[in-house]
N, C-alpha and C. Protein backbone atom coordinates (compact mmCIF):
# COMPACT_ATOMS: atom_id res chain seq x y z
N MET A 1 -11.23 8.58 3.70
CA MET A 1 -10.13 8.93 4.08
C MET A 1 -10.00 10.62 4.28
N LYS A 2 -10.79 10.94 5.25
CA LYS A 2 -11.01 12.27 5.79
C LYS A 2 -9.70 12.43 6.55
N ASN A 3 -9.21 13.49 6.93
CA ASN A 3 -8.25 13.89 7.96
C ASN A 3 -6.77 13.26 7.61
N ARG A 4 -6.61 12.73 6.54
CA ARG A 4 -5.17 12.21 5.99
C ARG A 4 -5.07 12.47 4.70
N GLN A 5 -3.71 12.45 4.33
CA GLN A 5 -3.35 12.71 2.79
C GLN A 5 -3.51 11.39 2.26
N GLY A 6 -4.18 11.34 1.08
CA GLY A 6 -4.13 10.37 0.18
C GLY A 6 -4.46 10.34 -1.16
N ALA A 7 -4.12 9.33 -2.03
CA ALA A 7 -4.21 9.36 -3.34
C ALA A 7 -4.66 8.06 -3.99
N THR A 8 -5.28 7.97 -5.08
CA THR A 8 -5.66 6.63 -5.75
C THR A 8 -5.46 6.93 -7.16
N TRP A 9 -4.91 5.84 -7.73
CA TRP A 9 -4.70 5.57 -8.97
C TRP A 9 -5.25 4.39 -9.70
N SER A 10 -5.67 4.33 -11.10
CA SER A 10 -6.09 3.14 -11.83
C SER A 10 -4.99 2.94 -12.85
N LEU A 11 -4.63 1.74 -12.76
CA LEU A 11 -3.67 1.34 -14.06
C LEU A 11 -4.12 0.40 -14.94
N GLU A 12 -3.56 0.38 -15.87
CA GLU A 12 -3.94 -1.01 -16.72
C GLU A 12 -3.19 -2.10 -16.19
N ALA A 13 -3.58 -3.09 -16.11
CA ALA A 13 -2.91 -4.37 -15.57
C ALA A 13 -2.06 -5.06 -16.57
N GLN A 14 -0.67 -4.30 -16.84
CA GLN A 14 0.31 -4.51 -17.86
C GLN A 14 1.64 -4.61 -17.15
N PRO A 15 2.52 -5.16 -17.89
CA PRO A 15 3.87 -5.46 -17.10
C PRO A 15 4.53 -4.02 -16.84
N TRP A 16 4.17 -3.11 -17.41
CA TRP A 16 4.59 -1.65 -16.93
C TRP A 16 4.04 -0.90 -15.93
N ALA A 17 3.04 -1.66 -15.24
CA ALA A 17 2.23 -0.79 -14.21
C ALA A 17 3.03 -0.92 -12.82
N PRO A 18 3.81 -1.75 -12.64
CA PRO A 18 4.62 -1.66 -11.37
C PRO A 18 5.48 -0.40 -11.19
N GLY A 19 6.05 -0.27 -12.44
CA GLY A 19 6.97 1.00 -12.58
C GLY A 19 6.36 2.30 -12.61
N LYS A 20 5.15 2.34 -13.24
CA LYS A 20 4.36 3.77 -13.21
C LYS A 20 3.85 3.75 -11.78
N ALA A 21 3.29 2.66 -11.14
CA ALA A 21 2.80 2.93 -9.81
C ALA A 21 3.74 3.54 -8.89
N PHE A 22 5.20 2.97 -9.10
CA PHE A 22 6.30 3.65 -8.21
C PHE A 22 6.42 5.14 -8.61
N ALA A 23 6.46 5.27 -9.75
CA ALA A 23 6.65 6.90 -10.17
C ALA A 23 5.55 7.82 -9.51
N GLU A 24 4.38 7.21 -9.85
CA GLU A 24 2.94 7.95 -9.03
C GLU A 24 3.28 8.19 -7.70
N VAL A 25 3.58 7.11 -6.86
CA VAL A 25 3.63 7.15 -5.61
C VAL A 25 4.79 8.09 -5.01
N ALA A 26 6.23 7.84 -5.65
CA ALA A 26 7.19 8.67 -5.49
C ALA A 26 6.84 10.16 -5.57
N GLY A 27 6.27 10.39 -6.75
CA GLY A 27 5.65 11.95 -6.95
C GLY A 27 5.01 12.20 -5.86
N LYS A 28 3.99 11.64 -5.41
CA LYS A 28 2.98 12.12 -4.33
C LYS A 28 3.90 12.32 -3.11
N PHE A 29 4.95 11.22 -2.76
CA PHE A 29 5.62 11.53 -1.48
C PHE A 29 6.11 13.16 -1.58
N GLY A 30 6.93 13.22 -2.66
CA GLY A 30 7.53 14.49 -2.90
C GLY A 30 6.64 15.86 -2.92
N LYS A 31 5.31 15.79 -3.34
CA LYS A 31 4.28 16.82 -3.25
C LYS A 31 3.75 16.69 -1.59
N TRP A 32 3.65 15.91 -0.98
CA TRP A 32 3.57 15.97 0.46
C TRP A 32 4.70 16.43 1.47
N GLY A 33 5.91 16.50 0.78
CA GLY A 33 7.04 17.12 1.36
C GLY A 33 7.94 16.00 2.21
N LEU A 34 7.66 14.61 1.71
CA LEU A 34 8.33 13.65 2.34
C LEU A 34 9.28 12.92 1.49
N LYS A 35 10.47 12.63 2.06
CA LYS A 35 11.47 11.82 1.33
C LYS A 35 11.07 10.39 1.28
N ALA A 36 11.00 9.93 -0.07
CA ALA A 36 10.47 8.30 0.12
C ALA A 36 11.72 7.50 0.85
N PRO A 37 11.25 6.59 1.44
CA PRO A 37 12.18 5.62 2.10
C PRO A 37 12.69 4.85 1.00
N ASP A 38 13.82 4.17 1.42
CA ASP A 38 14.63 3.37 0.31
C ASP A 38 13.90 2.25 -0.15
N ALA A 39 13.12 1.70 0.83
CA ALA A 39 12.24 0.36 0.49
C ALA A 39 10.99 0.64 -0.37
N LEU A 40 10.66 1.92 -0.71
CA LEU A 40 9.29 2.24 -1.46
C LEU A 40 9.38 1.65 -2.80
N GLU A 41 10.37 1.68 -3.65
CA GLU A 41 10.11 1.25 -4.91
C GLU A 41 9.88 -0.31 -4.81
N ALA A 42 10.66 -1.16 -4.37
CA ALA A 42 10.61 -2.37 -4.54
C ALA A 42 9.30 -2.98 -3.79
N LEU A 43 8.99 -2.08 -2.63
CA LEU A 43 7.54 -2.49 -2.12
C LEU A 43 6.37 -2.35 -3.10
N VAL A 44 6.43 -1.06 -3.56
CA VAL A 44 5.43 -0.65 -4.52
C VAL A 44 5.21 -1.64 -5.70
N ARG A 45 6.46 -1.81 -6.39
CA ARG A 45 6.50 -2.79 -7.41
C ARG A 45 5.97 -4.05 -7.08
N HIS A 46 6.35 -4.44 -5.98
CA HIS A 46 6.03 -5.95 -5.43
C HIS A 46 4.46 -5.97 -5.12
N LEU A 47 3.81 -5.07 -4.61
CA LEU A 47 2.45 -5.18 -4.54
C LEU A 47 1.65 -4.95 -5.77
N VAL A 48 1.96 -4.14 -6.83
CA VAL A 48 1.47 -4.13 -7.89
C VAL A 48 1.62 -5.32 -8.92
N ALA A 49 2.90 -5.70 -9.04
CA ALA A 49 3.07 -6.83 -9.84
C ALA A 49 2.36 -8.09 -9.17
N THR A 50 2.03 -8.22 -7.91
CA THR A 50 1.11 -9.31 -7.37
C THR A 50 -0.38 -9.25 -7.87
N VAL A 51 -0.83 -7.99 -7.75
CA VAL A 51 -2.44 -8.05 -8.48
C VAL A 51 -2.37 -7.98 -9.67
N VAL A 52 -1.34 -7.43 -10.69
CA VAL A 52 -1.30 -7.64 -11.91
C VAL A 52 -1.42 -9.10 -12.36
N ALA A 53 -0.62 -10.06 -11.73
CA ALA A 53 -0.53 -11.41 -12.07
C ALA A 53 -2.09 -11.98 -11.75
N ASP A 54 -2.79 -11.56 -11.13
CA ASP A 54 -4.26 -12.00 -11.02
C ASP A 54 -5.06 -12.19 -12.39
N GLY A 55 -4.47 -11.24 -13.35
CA GLY A 55 -5.02 -11.29 -14.65
C GLY A 55 -6.24 -10.56 -15.00
N GLY A 56 -6.63 -9.62 -14.38
CA GLY A 56 -7.58 -8.49 -14.59
C GLY A 56 -7.33 -7.71 -15.60
N ARG A 57 -8.23 -6.63 -15.92
CA ARG A 57 -7.91 -5.69 -17.13
C ARG A 57 -7.44 -4.31 -16.46
N HIS A 58 -7.59 -4.14 -15.19
CA HIS A 58 -6.85 -2.88 -14.31
C HIS A 58 -6.71 -3.21 -12.95
N VAL A 59 -5.90 -2.44 -12.55
CA VAL A 59 -5.63 -2.47 -10.83
C VAL A 59 -5.71 -1.13 -10.42
N SER A 60 -5.94 -1.27 -9.21
CA SER A 60 -6.00 0.31 -8.42
C SER A 60 -4.88 0.35 -7.38
N LEU A 61 -4.54 1.73 -7.21
CA LEU A 61 -3.25 1.72 -6.13
C LEU A 61 -3.89 2.74 -5.35
N HIS A 62 -3.75 2.50 -3.94
CA HIS A 62 -4.17 3.47 -2.99
C HIS A 62 -3.13 3.81 -2.16
N LEU A 63 -2.98 5.12 -1.65
CA LEU A 63 -1.69 5.64 -0.88
C LEU A 63 -2.34 6.48 -0.02
N ALA A 64 -2.05 6.26 1.36
CA ALA A 64 -2.54 7.38 2.45
C ALA A 64 -1.30 7.25 3.43
N GLU A 65 -1.25 8.61 4.01
CA GLU A 65 0.11 9.05 4.91
C GLU A 65 -0.54 9.62 5.94
N GLN A 66 0.00 9.26 7.06
CA GLN A 66 -0.39 9.83 8.60
C GLN A 66 0.23 9.19 9.72
N ASN A 67 0.67 10.12 10.59
CA ASN A 67 1.25 9.77 11.98
C ASN A 67 2.54 9.18 11.58
N ASN A 68 3.19 9.45 10.56
CA ASN A 68 4.48 8.81 10.21
C ASN A 68 4.43 7.67 9.69
N GLN A 69 3.37 7.33 9.00
CA GLN A 69 3.08 5.83 8.47
C GLN A 69 2.53 6.18 7.20
N ALA A 70 2.96 5.37 6.15
CA ALA A 70 2.23 5.11 4.85
C ALA A 70 1.44 3.75 4.36
N LEU A 71 0.38 3.99 4.13
CA LEU A 71 -0.24 2.60 3.67
C LEU A 71 -0.25 2.68 2.12
N VAL A 72 0.14 1.47 1.55
CA VAL A 72 0.16 1.45 0.19
C VAL A 72 -0.73 0.23 -0.11
N LEU A 73 -1.99 0.35 -0.78
CA LEU A 73 -2.81 -0.84 -1.12
C LEU A 73 -2.98 -1.11 -2.65
N ALA A 74 -2.71 -1.99 -2.94
CA ALA A 74 -2.87 -2.51 -4.49
C ALA A 74 -4.18 -3.53 -4.60
N PHE A 75 -5.13 -3.28 -5.58
CA PHE A 75 -6.22 -4.05 -5.62
C PHE A 75 -6.39 -4.75 -7.04
N SER A 76 -6.73 -5.85 -7.39
CA SER A 76 -6.64 -6.58 -8.68
C SER A 76 -8.17 -6.22 -9.32
N HIS A 77 -8.96 -5.79 -8.82
CA HIS A 77 -10.43 -6.12 -9.44
C HIS A 77 -10.82 -7.29 -10.44
N GLN A 78 -10.27 -8.45 -9.76
CA GLN A 78 -10.17 -9.78 -10.58
C GLN A 78 -10.88 -10.62 -9.50
N PRO A 79 -12.16 -11.01 -9.52
CA PRO A 79 -12.47 -11.98 -8.51
C PRO A 79 -12.22 -13.22 -8.49
N HIS A 80 -11.57 -13.68 -9.48
CA HIS A 80 -11.15 -15.22 -9.69
C HIS A 80 -9.90 -15.05 -10.27
N PRO A 81 -8.79 -15.09 -9.58
CA PRO A 81 -7.32 -14.79 -10.12
C PRO A 81 -7.10 -16.04 -10.83
N SER A 82 -6.28 -15.58 -12.02
CA SER A 82 -5.78 -16.49 -12.95
C SER A 82 -4.40 -17.40 -12.32
N GLN A 83 -4.00 -16.85 -11.39
CA GLN A 83 -2.71 -17.46 -10.76
C GLN A 83 -3.12 -17.96 -9.28
N PRO A 84 -2.69 -19.01 -8.73
CA PRO A 84 -2.98 -19.24 -7.43
C PRO A 84 -2.39 -18.28 -6.50
N TRP A 85 -2.70 -18.24 -5.11
CA TRP A 85 -1.96 -17.42 -4.09
C TRP A 85 -0.71 -17.99 -3.91
N ASP A 86 0.41 -16.97 -3.94
CA ASP A 86 1.74 -17.14 -3.45
C ASP A 86 1.75 -16.80 -1.98
N ASP A 87 2.10 -17.83 -1.24
CA ASP A 87 2.15 -17.61 0.40
C ASP A 87 3.41 -16.81 0.58
N ASP A 88 4.49 -16.49 -0.31
CA ASP A 88 5.65 -15.85 -0.07
C ASP A 88 5.47 -14.47 -0.11
N VAL A 89 4.17 -14.02 -0.67
CA VAL A 89 4.05 -12.59 -1.06
C VAL A 89 4.05 -11.59 0.19
N LEU A 90 3.61 -12.22 1.25
CA LEU A 90 3.48 -11.38 2.77
C LEU A 90 4.83 -11.46 3.33
N THR A 91 5.54 -12.71 3.11
CA THR A 91 7.12 -12.78 3.63
C THR A 91 7.97 -11.78 2.98
N ARG A 92 7.70 -11.67 1.66
CA ARG A 92 8.46 -10.79 0.85
C ARG A 92 8.37 -9.32 1.17
N LEU A 93 7.15 -8.86 1.30
CA LEU A 93 6.60 -7.70 1.56
C LEU A 93 7.57 -6.97 3.17
N ARG A 94 7.45 -8.23 4.06
CA ARG A 94 8.13 -7.88 5.32
C ARG A 94 9.64 -7.65 5.17
N GLU A 95 9.99 -8.52 4.21
CA GLU A 95 11.63 -8.47 3.77
C GLU A 95 11.97 -7.10 3.33
N LEU A 96 11.10 -6.38 2.52
CA LEU A 96 11.15 -5.30 1.83
C LEU A 96 11.07 -4.12 2.66
N GLY A 97 10.57 -4.30 3.90
CA GLY A 97 10.60 -3.13 5.21
C GLY A 97 9.05 -2.76 5.30
N ALA A 98 7.94 -3.74 5.12
CA ALA A 98 6.81 -3.24 5.56
C ALA A 98 6.61 -3.42 7.08
N ALA A 99 6.14 -2.38 7.69
CA ALA A 99 6.01 -2.45 9.34
C ALA A 99 4.98 -3.67 9.52
N SER A 100 3.90 -3.73 8.59
CA SER A 100 2.88 -4.62 8.51
C SER A 100 2.23 -4.81 7.21
N CYS A 101 1.64 -6.01 6.97
CA CYS A 101 1.26 -6.01 5.71
C CYS A 101 0.11 -7.15 5.79
N GLY A 102 -0.73 -7.34 4.58
CA GLY A 102 -1.73 -8.35 4.57
C GLY A 102 -2.50 -8.36 3.12
N THR A 103 -3.45 -9.12 3.39
CA THR A 103 -4.09 -9.51 1.91
C THR A 103 -5.63 -9.92 2.22
N GLU A 104 -6.46 -9.66 1.31
CA GLU A 104 -7.86 -10.08 1.48
C GLU A 104 -8.43 -10.23 -0.07
N MET A 105 -9.24 -11.44 0.01
CA MET A 105 -9.70 -11.72 -1.25
C MET A 105 -11.13 -11.19 -0.98
N THR A 106 -11.81 -10.56 -1.81
CA THR A 106 -13.30 -10.10 -1.91
C THR A 106 -13.90 -10.41 -3.09
N GLY A 107 -15.14 -10.40 -3.16
CA GLY A 107 -15.98 -10.61 -4.29
C GLY A 107 -15.62 -9.62 -5.65
N GLU A 108 -14.87 -8.75 -5.38
CA GLU A 108 -14.36 -7.87 -6.48
C GLU A 108 -13.04 -8.09 -6.59
N GLY A 109 -12.26 -8.82 -6.07
CA GLY A 109 -10.57 -8.93 -6.33
C GLY A 109 -9.91 -9.04 -4.95
N ARG A 110 -8.66 -9.29 -5.32
CA ARG A 110 -7.73 -9.54 -4.11
C ARG A 110 -7.12 -8.12 -3.93
N GLN A 111 -7.04 -7.50 -2.58
CA GLN A 111 -6.26 -6.43 -2.24
C GLN A 111 -4.84 -6.92 -1.37
N VAL A 112 -3.71 -6.33 -1.54
CA VAL A 112 -2.63 -6.52 -0.96
C VAL A 112 -2.17 -5.24 -0.43
N TRP A 113 -1.73 -5.13 0.81
CA TRP A 113 -1.61 -3.84 1.37
C TRP A 113 -0.14 -3.96 2.31
N ALA A 114 0.43 -3.07 2.48
CA ALA A 114 1.69 -2.74 3.25
C ALA A 114 1.72 -1.39 3.99
N VAL A 115 2.19 -1.47 5.26
CA VAL A 115 2.40 -0.21 5.89
C VAL A 115 3.85 -0.01 6.08
N LEU A 116 4.31 1.08 5.85
CA LEU A 116 5.74 1.59 5.77
C LEU A 116 5.85 2.52 7.13
N ASP A 117 6.98 2.50 7.76
CA ASP A 117 7.19 3.41 8.97
C ASP A 117 8.04 4.46 8.39
N LEU A 118 7.60 5.65 8.50
CA LEU A 118 8.06 6.83 7.90
C LEU A 118 8.93 7.87 8.96
N ALA A 119 9.03 7.26 10.21
CA ALA A 119 9.56 8.15 11.32
C ALA A 119 11.05 8.50 11.08
N SER A 120 11.80 7.55 10.35
CA SER A 120 13.26 7.83 10.12
C SER A 120 13.40 8.58 8.94
N CYS A 121 12.27 8.95 7.99
CA CYS A 121 12.25 9.68 6.85
C CYS A 121 12.23 11.14 6.94
N PRO A 122 13.23 11.86 6.61
CA PRO A 122 12.93 13.12 6.93
C PRO A 122 12.14 13.83 5.90
N ARG A 123 11.23 15.00 6.45
CA ARG A 123 10.46 15.58 5.84
C ARG A 123 11.49 16.75 4.66
N LEU A 124 10.75 16.85 3.60
CA LEU A 124 11.59 17.69 2.48
C LEU A 124 11.25 19.20 2.89
N HIS A 125 10.11 19.40 3.34
CA HIS A 125 9.39 20.79 3.89
C HIS A 125 9.25 20.77 5.17
N PRO A 126 9.75 21.43 6.05
CA PRO A 126 9.56 21.62 7.44
C PRO A 126 8.34 22.01 7.97
N LEU A 127 7.61 22.78 6.84
CA LEU A 127 6.17 23.19 7.43
C LEU A 127 4.99 22.07 6.96
N ALA A 128 5.59 21.03 6.51
CA ALA A 128 4.53 19.94 6.11
C ALA A 128 3.68 19.28 7.21
N VAL A 129 2.57 19.35 7.12
CA VAL A 129 1.76 19.00 8.18
C VAL A 129 0.86 17.77 7.92
N VAL A 130 0.80 16.67 8.96
CA VAL A 130 0.04 15.72 8.58
C VAL A 130 -1.21 15.71 9.40
N PRO A 131 -2.45 15.48 8.68
CA PRO A 131 -3.66 15.64 9.60
C PRO A 131 -3.65 14.58 10.66
N GLU A 132 -4.55 14.51 11.65
CA GLU A 132 -4.81 13.78 12.73
C GLU A 132 -5.74 12.68 12.34
N ARG A 133 -5.73 11.37 12.74
CA ARG A 133 -6.40 10.44 12.32
C ARG A 133 -7.94 10.51 13.18
N ARG A 134 -8.75 10.00 12.52
CA ARG A 134 -10.36 10.04 13.30
C ARG A 134 -10.53 8.35 13.34
N ARG A 135 -11.01 8.12 14.42
CA ARG A 135 -11.31 6.31 14.68
C ARG A 135 -12.20 5.96 13.85
N ASP A 136 -13.19 6.67 13.35
CA ASP A 136 -14.33 6.26 12.63
C ASP A 136 -14.00 6.12 11.07
N ASP A 137 -12.44 6.08 10.72
CA ASP A 137 -12.13 6.11 9.44
C ASP A 137 -11.19 5.16 9.28
N GLU A 138 -11.38 4.04 9.79
CA GLU A 138 -10.25 2.99 9.60
C GLU A 138 -10.73 1.99 8.74
N TRP A 139 -9.67 1.47 8.04
CA TRP A 139 -9.85 0.27 7.02
C TRP A 139 -9.75 -0.95 7.94
N GLU A 140 -10.16 -2.26 7.33
CA GLU A 140 -10.18 -3.47 7.99
C GLU A 140 -9.78 -4.60 7.10
N PRO A 141 -8.27 -4.96 7.02
CA PRO A 141 -8.04 -6.06 6.21
C PRO A 141 -8.33 -7.32 6.99
N LYS A 142 -8.38 -8.49 5.99
CA LYS A 142 -8.86 -9.70 7.12
C LYS A 142 -7.76 -10.42 7.43
N VAL A 143 -6.39 -10.47 6.67
CA VAL A 143 -5.60 -11.35 6.95
C VAL A 143 -4.14 -10.51 7.03
N GLY A 144 -3.42 -10.79 7.81
CA GLY A 144 -2.17 -9.78 8.26
C GLY A 144 -1.08 -10.38 8.77
N ILE A 145 0.05 -9.62 8.65
CA ILE A 145 1.13 -10.15 9.47
C ILE A 145 1.53 -9.08 10.20
N PRO A 146 2.21 -9.08 11.50
CA PRO A 146 2.17 -10.17 12.26
C PRO A 146 1.24 -10.85 12.74
N ALA A 147 1.34 -12.01 13.18
CA ALA A 147 0.36 -12.84 13.95
C ALA A 147 -1.09 -12.93 13.27
N GLN A 148 -0.97 -12.61 11.95
CA GLN A 148 -2.31 -12.86 11.28
C GLN A 148 -3.41 -12.04 11.87
N ARG A 149 -3.11 -10.98 12.48
CA ARG A 149 -4.23 -10.08 13.15
C ARG A 149 -5.21 -9.61 11.89
N ALA A 150 -6.18 -9.60 12.57
CA ALA A 150 -7.66 -9.25 11.69
C ALA A 150 -7.56 -7.40 11.52
N LYS A 151 -6.93 -6.77 12.14
CA LYS A 151 -7.06 -5.41 12.27
C LYS A 151 -5.80 -4.69 12.63
N PRO A 152 -5.25 -3.75 11.86
CA PRO A 152 -4.04 -3.16 12.52
C PRO A 152 -4.30 -2.62 13.76
N ARG A 153 -3.03 -2.51 14.55
CA ARG A 153 -2.92 -1.83 15.82
C ARG A 153 -3.23 -0.47 15.73
N ALA A 154 -3.32 0.43 16.86
CA ALA A 154 -3.76 1.74 16.57
C ALA A 154 -2.54 2.54 15.93
N GLY A 155 -1.51 2.05 16.25
CA GLY A 155 -0.27 2.65 15.64
C GLY A 155 0.00 2.29 14.31
N ASP A 156 -0.74 1.60 13.76
CA ASP A 156 -0.62 1.23 12.30
C ASP A 156 -1.49 2.29 11.52
N LEU A 157 -1.38 2.33 10.27
CA LEU A 157 -2.15 3.48 9.68
C LEU A 157 -3.65 2.86 9.65
């Protein structure tokens, strides 16, 4: 995550983790001089609750902000989830305001991500600067919405 603002947290996979995750993300938005979008709380809580349900001991939460977009990614660290995949997760993320979203199951666990458009969110600090993106620094989810695309478009984070 060179050239962009980012943060990572490790949380116990407990029922309180979604609330703690939102508090951390909202605090980071404030430190970056950004007003959190209205959809942020429900979206972060849903991402984290989804991976907590996988039954692992801890979850990771990753946040990156760049070019008026924010990526929020939750990772379960549970390669064999105790719960079957819920097909409604991605639909619900879209309903909560995700510009795009997706999921990937890896040998280390499930990751679920959502990109939020921040263009309509005012900056709290007029001098806050967002670093420019480097093309060699992109992440690659395997399944996503819309159209189940394998890689976000250039305008996505």
